[in-house]
Amino acid sequence: MSRGDLTDEQWAVLEPLLPKGKKPGRSPIWTRRQLIDGIRFRVRTGIPWRDMPD
């Protein structure tokens, strides 16, 4: 967990509010938690998407 990522308590509140995926098929590359943390990092720092760390 990096600085600025969601804590376990915050994630426990947010996770039930997210829509559930209904499409069968390949599993996603990133978890929903990683996606939310990435979006929050992008908004917090203001860097371009192409400069986001892996």
N, C-alpha and C. Protein backbone atom coordinates (compact mmCIF):
# COMPACT_ATOMS: atom_id res chain seq x y z
N MET A 1 0.86 -1.18 0.00
CA MET A 1 0.00 0.00 0.00
C MET A 1 0.90 1.23 0.00
N SER A 2 0.63 2.14 -0.89
CA SER A 2 1.39 3.37 -1.00
C SER A 2 0.74 4.48 -0.21
N ARG A 3 1.51 5.52 -0.01
CA ARG A 3 0.97 6.70 0.66
C ARG A 3 -0.16 7.25 -0.20
N GLY A 4 -1.29 7.54 0.39
CA GLY A 4 -2.43 8.08 -0.34
C GLY A 4 -3.42 7.04 -0.82
N ASP A 5 -3.06 5.74 -0.72
CA ASP A 5 -4.00 4.69 -1.12
C ASP A 5 -5.11 4.57 -0.08
N LEU A 6 -6.21 3.98 -0.50
CA LEU A 6 -7.32 3.76 0.42
C LEU A 6 -6.92 2.79 1.53
N THR A 7 -7.35 3.09 2.73
CA THR A 7 -7.13 2.16 3.83
C THR A 7 -8.14 1.02 3.73
N ASP A 8 -7.93 -0.03 4.49
CA ASP A 8 -8.87 -1.16 4.48
C ASP A 8 -10.26 -0.71 4.95
N GLU A 9 -10.30 0.19 5.93
CA GLU A 9 -11.59 0.67 6.43
C GLU A 9 -12.32 1.49 5.37
N GLN A 10 -11.59 2.36 4.66
CA GLN A 10 -12.21 3.16 3.60
C GLN A 10 -12.70 2.26 2.47
N TRP A 11 -11.91 1.26 2.10
CA TRP A 11 -12.29 0.35 1.03
C TRP A 11 -13.52 -0.46 1.42
N ALA A 12 -13.63 -0.85 2.69
CA ALA A 12 -14.79 -1.61 3.15
C ALA A 12 -16.07 -0.80 3.00
N VAL A 13 -15.99 0.51 3.12
CA VAL A 13 -17.16 1.37 2.95
C VAL A 13 -17.46 1.57 1.46
N LEU A 14 -16.42 1.73 0.64
CA LEU A 14 -16.60 2.05 -0.77
C LEU A 14 -16.98 0.84 -1.63
N GLU A 15 -16.41 -0.31 -1.35
CA GLU A 15 -16.60 -1.48 -2.22
C GLU A 15 -18.06 -1.87 -2.46
N PRO A 16 -18.92 -1.88 -1.44
CA PRO A 16 -20.32 -2.26 -1.70
C PRO A 16 -21.07 -1.26 -2.59
N LEU A 17 -20.54 -0.05 -2.74
CA LEU A 17 -21.21 0.97 -3.55
C LEU A 17 -20.89 0.85 -5.04
N LEU A 18 -19.84 0.09 -5.38
CA LEU A 18 -19.44 -0.06 -6.78
C LEU A 18 -20.32 -1.09 -7.47
N PRO A 19 -20.60 -0.88 -8.76
CA PRO A 19 -21.43 -1.85 -9.49
C PRO A 19 -20.66 -3.15 -9.68
N LYS A 20 -21.39 -4.25 -9.71
CA LYS A 20 -20.80 -5.57 -9.93
C LYS A 20 -20.75 -5.83 -11.43
N GLY A 21 -19.65 -6.41 -11.89
CA GLY A 21 -19.51 -6.77 -13.29
C GLY A 21 -20.39 -7.97 -13.62
N LYS A 22 -21.03 -7.96 -14.78
CA LYS A 22 -21.93 -9.04 -15.15
C LYS A 22 -21.44 -9.81 -16.38
N LYS A 23 -20.38 -9.31 -17.02
CA LYS A 23 -19.90 -9.95 -18.23
C LYS A 23 -18.94 -11.08 -17.90
N PRO A 24 -19.19 -12.27 -18.44
CA PRO A 24 -18.22 -13.36 -18.25
C PRO A 24 -17.02 -13.14 -19.17
N GLY A 25 -15.95 -13.79 -18.88
CA GLY A 25 -14.79 -13.69 -19.75
C GLY A 25 -13.51 -13.56 -18.96
N ARG A 26 -12.55 -12.97 -19.60
CA ARG A 26 -11.23 -12.83 -19.00
C ARG A 26 -11.28 -11.97 -17.75
N SER A 27 -10.50 -12.35 -16.76
CA SER A 27 -10.46 -11.55 -15.54
C SER A 27 -9.71 -10.24 -15.79
N PRO A 28 -10.05 -9.19 -15.06
CA PRO A 28 -9.40 -7.90 -15.29
C PRO A 28 -7.93 -7.92 -14.89
N ILE A 29 -7.16 -7.03 -15.50
CA ILE A 29 -5.73 -6.92 -15.20
C ILE A 29 -5.52 -6.32 -13.83
N TRP A 30 -6.28 -5.28 -13.51
CA TRP A 30 -6.15 -4.59 -12.23
C TRP A 30 -7.43 -4.78 -11.42
N THR A 31 -7.28 -4.84 -10.11
CA THR A 31 -8.44 -4.95 -9.24
C THR A 31 -9.15 -3.60 -9.19
N ARG A 32 -10.38 -3.61 -8.74
CA ARG A 32 -11.13 -2.35 -8.61
C ARG A 32 -10.44 -1.40 -7.65
N ARG A 33 -9.86 -1.97 -6.60
CA ARG A 33 -9.17 -1.13 -5.62
C ARG A 33 -7.97 -0.44 -6.25
N GLN A 34 -7.21 -1.15 -7.09
CA GLN A 34 -6.07 -0.55 -7.77
C GLN A 34 -6.52 0.56 -8.72
N LEU A 35 -7.63 0.34 -9.41
CA LEU A 35 -8.15 1.36 -10.32
C LEU A 35 -8.56 2.63 -9.56
N ILE A 36 -9.26 2.45 -8.44
CA ILE A 36 -9.69 3.61 -7.64
C ILE A 36 -8.46 4.34 -7.10
N ASP A 37 -7.47 3.60 -6.60
CA ASP A 37 -6.25 4.23 -6.09
C ASP A 37 -5.52 4.99 -7.21
N GLY A 38 -5.49 4.42 -8.42
CA GLY A 38 -4.85 5.10 -9.55
C GLY A 38 -5.57 6.38 -9.94
N ILE A 39 -6.88 6.35 -9.94
CA ILE A 39 -7.66 7.55 -10.26
C ILE A 39 -7.43 8.62 -9.21
N ARG A 40 -7.43 8.22 -7.94
CA ARG A 40 -7.20 9.18 -6.86
C ARG A 40 -5.79 9.77 -6.95
N PHE A 41 -4.78 8.95 -7.32
CA PHE A 41 -3.42 9.44 -7.49
C PHE A 41 -3.36 10.46 -8.62
N ARG A 42 -4.01 10.14 -9.72
CA ARG A 42 -4.02 11.03 -10.89
C ARG A 42 -4.66 12.38 -10.54
N VAL A 43 -5.77 12.35 -9.84
CA VAL A 43 -6.46 13.59 -9.46
C VAL A 43 -5.63 14.39 -8.45
N ARG A 44 -5.02 13.68 -7.51
CA ARG A 44 -4.24 14.34 -6.46
C ARG A 44 -2.99 15.00 -7.01
N THR A 45 -2.29 14.36 -7.94
CA THR A 45 -1.02 14.88 -8.44
C THR A 45 -1.18 15.72 -9.71
N GLY A 46 -2.21 15.44 -10.50
CA GLY A 46 -2.43 16.20 -11.72
C GLY A 46 -1.52 15.79 -12.88
N ILE A 47 -0.85 14.64 -12.79
CA ILE A 47 0.04 14.23 -13.87
C ILE A 47 -0.77 13.65 -15.03
N PRO A 48 -0.22 13.69 -16.25
CA PRO A 48 -0.90 13.06 -17.39
C PRO A 48 -0.98 11.55 -17.22
N TRP A 49 -2.00 10.92 -17.81
CA TRP A 49 -2.17 9.48 -17.71
C TRP A 49 -0.94 8.73 -18.20
N ARG A 50 -0.29 9.22 -19.26
CA ARG A 50 0.84 8.51 -19.82
C ARG A 50 2.05 8.48 -18.87
N ASP A 51 2.08 9.38 -17.88
CA ASP A 51 3.18 9.43 -16.93
C ASP A 51 2.88 8.68 -15.64
N MET A 52 1.74 7.99 -15.60
CA MET A 52 1.37 7.24 -14.39
C MET A 52 2.36 6.09 -14.19
N PRO A 53 2.79 5.84 -12.95
CA PRO A 53 3.67 4.69 -12.72
C PRO A 53 2.89 3.38 -12.88
N ASP A 54 3.59 2.32 -13.23
CA ASP A 54 2.96 1.00 -13.40
C ASP A 54 2.53 0.51 -12.11
